[in-house]
Protein backbone atom coordinates (compact mmCIF):
# COMPACT_ATOMS: atom_id res chain seq x y z
CA MET A 1 15.17 -13.56 -1.49
CA ALA A 2 12.67 -11.44 0.28
CA LYS A 3 9.25 -13.31 0.84
CA LYS A 4 6.34 -11.39 2.35
CA GLN A 5 2.67 -11.29 2.52
CA PRO A 6 1.36 -8.12 0.77
CA THR A 7 0.75 -6.42 4.19
CA ARG A 8 2.61 -4.64 6.94
CA SER A 9 3.40 -6.39 10.26
CA SER A 10 1.41 -5.61 13.43
CA LYS A 11 2.73 -2.90 15.66
CA PRO A 12 4.38 -3.86 19.26
CA SER A 13 2.62 -0.76 20.90
CA ALA A 14 -0.77 -2.31 19.88
CA GLN A 15 0.19 -5.70 21.17
CA THR A 16 1.40 -4.28 24.55
CA LYS A 17 -1.59 -2.29 25.13
CA SER A 18 -4.09 -5.15 24.54
CA ARG A 19 -2.22 -7.51 26.75
CA ARG A 20 -2.08 -5.21 29.61
CA ARG A 21 -5.96 -5.17 29.54
CA GLY A 22 -6.12 -8.78 29.31
CA ALA A 23 -8.34 -8.65 26.36
CA TRP A 24 -9.64 -11.79 24.89
CA ARG A 25 -10.46 -11.36 21.12
CA THR A 26 -13.50 -13.08 19.55
CA ALA A 27 -15.46 -12.29 16.16
CA ALA A 28 -18.16 -10.79 18.27
CA ASN A 29 -16.31 -8.27 20.35
CA SER A 30 -13.87 -7.20 17.61
CA ASP A 31 -14.00 -4.32 15.17
CA ARG A 32 -12.85 -5.08 11.62
CA HIS A 33 -11.25 -1.62 11.11
CA ASP A 34 -9.41 -2.04 14.46
CA LEU A 35 -8.10 -5.40 13.46
CA TYR A 36 -7.00 -4.11 9.94
CA GLU A 37 -5.03 -1.27 11.53
CA ILE A 38 -3.21 -3.63 14.00
CA ALA A 39 -2.32 -6.19 11.07
CA VAL A 40 -1.87 -4.12 8.15
CA GLN A 41 -0.96 -0.54 8.76
CA GLU A 42 2.21 1.08 9.74
CA VAL A 43 1.47 4.69 9.45
CA VAL A 44 4.55 5.80 11.43
CA SER A 45 6.96 3.99 9.07
CA GLU A 46 4.98 5.19 6.18
CA CYS A 47 5.28 8.81 7.24
CA ASP A 48 9.08 8.18 8.14
CA PHE A 49 9.54 6.91 4.59
CA ILE A 50 7.73 10.22 2.98
CA ASP A 51 10.19 12.02 4.98
CA ARG A 52 13.18 10.14 3.76
CA VAL A 53 12.24 10.26 0.16
CA TRP A 54 11.89 14.00 0.29
CA ARG A 55 15.10 14.54 2.17
CA GLN A 56 16.86 12.42 -0.69
CA LYS A 57 14.95 13.95 -3.59
CA ARG A 58 14.57 17.37 -2.52
CA GLY A 59 16.75 18.14 0.45
CA ARG A 60 13.97 19.11 2.65
CA LEU A 61 10.84 17.89 4.06
CA ALA A 62 7.34 18.02 2.73
CA ALA A 63 4.74 19.93 4.75
CA SER A 64 1.43 19.19 3.08
CA MET A 65 0.27 15.57 2.29
CA ARG A 66 -2.98 14.20 0.71
CA GLU A 67 -3.91 10.52 1.46
CA ASP A 68 -5.99 9.01 -1.23
CA PHE A 69 -8.14 6.12 -0.58
CA CYS A 70 -7.55 7.17 3.11
CA GLY A 71 -10.04 4.89 4.90
CA THR A 72 -9.84 5.72 8.68
CA ALA A 73 -7.12 8.51 7.87
CA LYS A 74 -4.79 7.26 10.44
CA ALA A 75 -1.89 8.34 8.14
CA CYS A 76 -3.31 11.98 7.95
CA THR A 77 -3.45 11.92 11.73
CA GLU A 78 0.17 10.85 12.11
CA TRP A 79 1.25 13.33 9.45
CA ALA A 80 -0.37 16.26 11.27
CA ARG A 81 0.88 15.27 14.70
CA ARG A 82 4.60 14.86 13.77
CA ARG A 83 5.27 18.61 12.84
CA ALA A 84 3.34 21.88 13.62
CA THR A 85 4.07 22.83 10.03
CA ASN A 86 2.30 19.77 8.46
CA ARG A 87 -1.23 19.65 7.22
CA ALA A 88 -3.02 16.73 5.76
CA ILE A 89 -5.98 16.15 3.45
CA GLY A 90 -7.69 12.67 3.35
CA VAL A 91 -9.91 11.47 0.52
CA ASP A 92 -12.25 8.51 0.48
CA LEU A 93 -15.60 7.46 -0.69
CA ASP A 94 -16.67 5.44 2.21
CA GLU A 95 -18.37 7.85 4.80
CA SER A 96 -18.89 5.11 7.31
CA VAL A 97 -15.13 4.30 7.55
CA ILE A 98 -14.25 8.18 7.67
CA LEU A 99 -16.63 8.60 10.60
CA TRP A 100 -14.98 5.43 12.23
CA GLY A 101 -11.53 7.29 11.86
CA GLU A 102 -12.94 10.63 13.16
CA ARG A 103 -14.23 8.85 16.41
CA ARG A 104 -10.94 6.67 16.81
CA HIS A 105 -8.20 9.03 15.76
CA ARG A 106 -9.19 12.74 15.55
CA ALA A 107 -11.95 13.28 18.08
CA GLY A 108 -9.63 13.69 20.89
CA LEU A 109 -6.92 15.76 19.23
CA PRO A 110 -5.92 19.23 20.48
CA GLU A 111 -7.43 21.94 17.99
CA HIS A 112 -3.88 23.07 16.94
CA VAL A 113 -3.45 19.54 15.48
CA SER A 114 -7.14 18.85 14.20
CA SER A 115 -7.35 22.24 12.59
CA ARG A 116 -4.58 20.87 10.12
CA ILE A 117 -6.43 17.82 9.06
CA THR A 118 -9.26 17.76 6.45
CA ILE A 119 -11.08 14.68 5.51
CA LEU A 120 -13.30 14.55 2.25
CA LYS A 121 -15.89 12.11 1.16
CA ALA A 122 -15.00 12.35 -2.47
CA ASP A 123 -13.86 10.28 -5.47
CA VAL A 124 -10.10 10.46 -6.08
CA THR A 125 -10.54 10.75 -9.77
CA LYS A 126 -12.84 13.77 -9.35
CA VAL A 127 -11.78 15.56 -6.08
CA ASP A 128 -10.35 19.11 -6.50
CA THR A 129 -7.97 19.90 -3.65
CA PRO A 130 -5.35 22.59 -2.94
CA ALA A 131 -1.82 21.68 -4.38
CA VAL A 132 0.15 19.55 -1.94
CA ASP A 133 3.74 18.66 -1.72
CA THR A 134 2.99 14.91 -1.71
CA ILE A 135 0.20 12.51 -2.43
CA VAL A 136 0.09 8.85 -1.05
CA ALA A 137 -1.83 5.87 -2.09
CA MET A 138 -0.87 2.95 0.11
CA ASN A 139 -1.94 -0.73 0.63
CA PHE A 140 -2.32 -1.08 -3.20
CA SER A 141 -5.44 0.90 -3.13
CA TYR A 142 -5.05 2.33 -6.61
CA PHE A 143 -5.14 -1.39 -7.91
CA ILE A 144 -8.94 -0.76 -8.21
CA PHE A 145 -8.42 0.75 -11.54
CA LYS A 146 -8.33 -2.27 -13.73
CA ASP A 147 -8.11 -0.54 -17.06
CA ARG A 148 -4.94 1.19 -18.11
CA ARG A 149 -6.66 4.31 -19.12
CA GLN A 150 -8.39 4.47 -15.69
CA LEU A 151 -5.02 4.16 -14.17
CA VAL A 152 -3.39 6.83 -16.25
CA ASP A 153 -6.34 9.18 -15.74
CA TYR A 154 -6.08 8.71 -11.92
CA PHE A 155 -2.34 9.35 -12.16
CA ARG A 156 -2.98 12.53 -14.18
CA ARG A 157 -5.23 13.86 -11.55
CA VAL A 158 -2.60 13.24 -8.90
CA HIS A 159 0.16 14.96 -10.96
CA ALA A 160 -2.42 18.05 -11.31
CA SER A 161 -2.89 18.23 -7.65
CA LEU A 162 0.89 18.41 -6.70
CA VAL A 163 2.87 21.53 -6.48
CA ARG A 164 5.46 22.02 -9.11
CA ASP A 165 8.22 19.74 -7.64
CA GLY A 166 5.73 17.43 -5.78
CA ILE A 167 6.11 13.77 -5.16
CA PHE A 168 3.61 10.96 -5.47
CA ILE A 169 4.44 7.73 -3.49
CA CYS A 170 2.55 4.48 -3.60
CA ASP A 171 3.33 0.95 -3.03
CA ALA A 172 2.90 -2.23 -4.97
CA TYR A 173 3.24 -6.11 -4.53
CA GLY A 174 3.97 -9.07 -6.68
CA GLY A 175 6.22 -12.30 -6.97
CA SER A 176 5.50 -15.61 -8.08
CA GLU A 177 3.14 -16.51 -5.29
CA ALA A 178 1.19 -13.29 -5.97
CA HIS A 179 -0.40 -15.27 -9.00
CA VAL A 180 -1.38 -18.38 -6.91
CA GLU A 181 -4.80 -18.96 -5.39
CA LYS A 182 -3.98 -19.57 -1.79
CA GLU A 183 -4.31 -18.50 1.81
CA GLU A 184 -1.46 -17.15 4.08
CA ASP A 185 -1.91 -16.44 7.87
CA ARG A 186 0.12 -14.52 10.47
CA ALA A 187 -0.45 -14.47 14.15
CA CYS A 188 -1.27 -11.03 15.64
CA ASP A 189 -2.42 -9.74 18.93
CA GLY A 190 -5.05 -12.14 20.11
CA PHE A 191 -6.18 -13.14 16.41
CA THR A 192 -4.89 -14.57 13.23
CA TYR A 193 -4.85 -12.46 10.15
CA VAL A 194 -5.56 -14.24 6.91
CA TRP A 195 -4.68 -13.08 3.45
CA ASP A 196 -6.79 -14.92 0.92
CA GLN A 197 -5.73 -14.74 -2.66
CA ASN A 198 -9.07 -16.11 -3.84
CA LYS A 199 -9.01 -15.70 -7.46
CA TYR A 200 -6.42 -14.88 -10.10
CA ASN A 201 -7.24 -14.55 -13.77
CA PRO A 202 -4.08 -14.70 -15.84
CA ILE A 203 -5.75 -13.47 -18.99
CA THR A 204 -6.87 -10.14 -17.44
CA GLY A 205 -4.55 -9.82 -14.44
CA ASP A 206 -7.72 -9.44 -12.26
CA VAL A 207 -7.43 -10.75 -8.66
CA THR A 208 -9.95 -11.19 -5.86
CA ASN A 209 -8.32 -10.94 -2.46
CA HIS A 210 -10.03 -11.28 0.88
CA ILE A 211 -8.91 -10.62 4.43
CA HIS A 212 -10.30 -12.84 7.28
CA PHE A 213 -9.70 -12.83 10.97
CA ARG A 214 -9.68 -15.92 13.13
CA PHE A 215 -9.60 -16.10 16.84
CA PRO A 216 -8.73 -18.47 19.64
CA ASP A 217 -12.25 -19.45 20.47
CA GLY A 218 -12.62 -20.80 17.05
CA SER A 219 -14.84 -17.82 15.64
CA GLU A 220 -13.97 -16.01 12.50
CA MET A 221 -14.62 -12.87 10.97
CA LYS A 222 -14.76 -14.10 7.24
CA ARG A 223 -14.33 -11.75 4.39
CA ALA A 224 -13.98 -8.67 6.79
CA PHE A 225 -12.47 -6.89 3.51
CA THR A 226 -12.72 -7.97 -0.12
CA TYR A 227 -10.62 -6.37 -3.01
CA GLN A 228 -11.20 -6.62 -6.63
CA TRP A 229 -8.13 -5.54 -8.37
CA ARG A 230 -5.80 -5.89 -11.14
CA LEU A 231 -2.29 -7.05 -10.14
CA TRP A 232 -0.25 -4.42 -11.86
CA SER A 233 3.47 -5.16 -12.39
CA LEU A 234 6.02 -2.29 -11.46
CA PRO A 235 7.01 -1.59 -15.31
CA GLU A 236 3.23 -1.08 -16.11
CA ILE A 237 2.84 1.19 -13.13
CA GLN A 238 6.01 3.30 -13.96
CA ASP A 239 5.11 3.39 -17.68
CA ALA A 240 1.62 4.86 -16.75
CA LEU A 241 3.12 7.37 -14.28
CA ARG A 242 5.50 8.68 -17.11
CA GLU A 243 2.40 8.77 -19.46
CA ALA A 244 0.60 10.80 -16.90
CA GLY A 245 3.34 13.43 -16.94
CA PHE A 246 5.78 12.51 -14.12
CA VAL A 247 9.35 13.12 -15.18
CA ALA A 248 11.19 10.35 -13.14
CA THR A 249 10.04 7.42 -11.03
CA THR A 250 12.25 5.41 -8.44
CA VAL A 251 11.60 1.96 -7.17
CA TYR A 252 12.44 1.49 -3.46
CA TRP A 253 13.08 -2.28 -3.06
CA GLU A 254 13.23 -4.05 0.22
CA GLY A 255 16.58 -5.54 1.37
CA THR A 256 16.96 -9.00 2.96
CA THR A 257 18.35 -10.56 6.23
CA ALA A 258 21.06 -13.15 6.41
CA LYS A 259 18.27 -15.69 6.39
CA GLY A 260 16.96 -14.28 2.95
CA GLU A 261 13.80 -12.56 4.49
CA GLY A 262 12.58 -9.12 4.01
CA ASN A 263 14.40 -6.69 6.46
CA GLY A 264 11.88 -3.78 6.16
CA VAL A 265 14.54 -1.35 4.67
CA PHE A 266 13.60 0.00 1.26
CA ARG A 267 16.30 1.42 -0.95
CA PRO A 268 16.35 2.95 -4.56
CA SER A 269 17.08 0.14 -6.78
CA THR A 270 16.98 -0.77 -10.49
CA ARG A 271 17.15 -4.52 -9.77
CA GLY A 272 15.15 -6.76 -7.62
CA GLU A 273 15.24 -10.37 -6.88
CA ALA A 274 12.83 -12.93 -8.30
CA CYS A 275 11.09 -13.42 -5.07
CA GLN A 276 8.02 -15.56 -4.31
CA GLY A 277 6.56 -12.49 -2.66
CA TRP A 278 7.68 -8.81 -2.43
CA ILE A 279 6.50 -5.31 -1.57
CA ALA A 280 8.01 -2.11 -3.07
CA TYR A 281 7.43 1.49 -2.88
CA ILE A 282 7.44 3.87 -5.99
CA ALA A 283 8.16 7.48 -5.81
CA ALA A 284 7.23 9.69 -8.82
CA GLU A 285 8.40 13.11 -9.30
CA LYS A 286 6.15 15.75 -10.96
CA GLY A 287 9.24 18.05 -11.64
CA LYS A 288 12.84 18.59 -10.32
CA SER A 289 13.53 21.50 -8.04
CA ALA A 290 16.72 23.39 -8.00
CA GLY A 291 17.81 21.52 -4.87
CA SER A 292 16.68 18.18 -6.20
CA ARG A 293 18.93 15.18 -5.36
CA GLY A 294 17.06 12.55 -7.31
């Protein structure tokens, strides 16, 4: 029975780098976006997953990717760097976060990589971009749409922005403990990541979640991030995707270790365990290509 917090684990490369520097993190000398990327994001694994889905479903690799709710657009950067044929578009409303990502991830890139990355300050429900092979919405970002009509309308915009046989990939979380008001913490590189499920309304499905960061000196970066979401279920998400025009949806469920913990390997499945906490991916296909394997 896989049990996970609705986050990704920290990356060993980031841990090693900081320890070599002998860094001592405190709330005063830390940056919340830096901590978030260490504690939550795994863009290499996400891009690997995109490649795997495309090999399975289309027998080829995607070249163009749009990252909705891109934040610092670290995934866009990884996507453009991994192949010379790749191009990426990032879309986010928060200009300050976009600029942070520009300084951190893209300012020092060679021109042949940076020229294939476009970051737009725009609303994902209104943005008009060239059609792309794949669109991703990770870290449950689309849960911001609390009304079903809003969710379907967003999925329709995604559908319209994909090429004929394009694929939309998103993630979701749930499980019995997802409905409990509680805190869970995890040790990262010189700080503690805290996932705070602060409020849950069983009538509406609305949740308020916070991320806090705590440090060895006793200082704390409280409510570094706050999310006002609706906790959508996998059947609800798939129904909305089909209503938006997607012809097929596949849930990728995480496997388990011998101890019953999540093993980080996600495979297509039509049956999941009634876990206390789980993360899953969904791949939604706009159409079936001649070489489709889905």
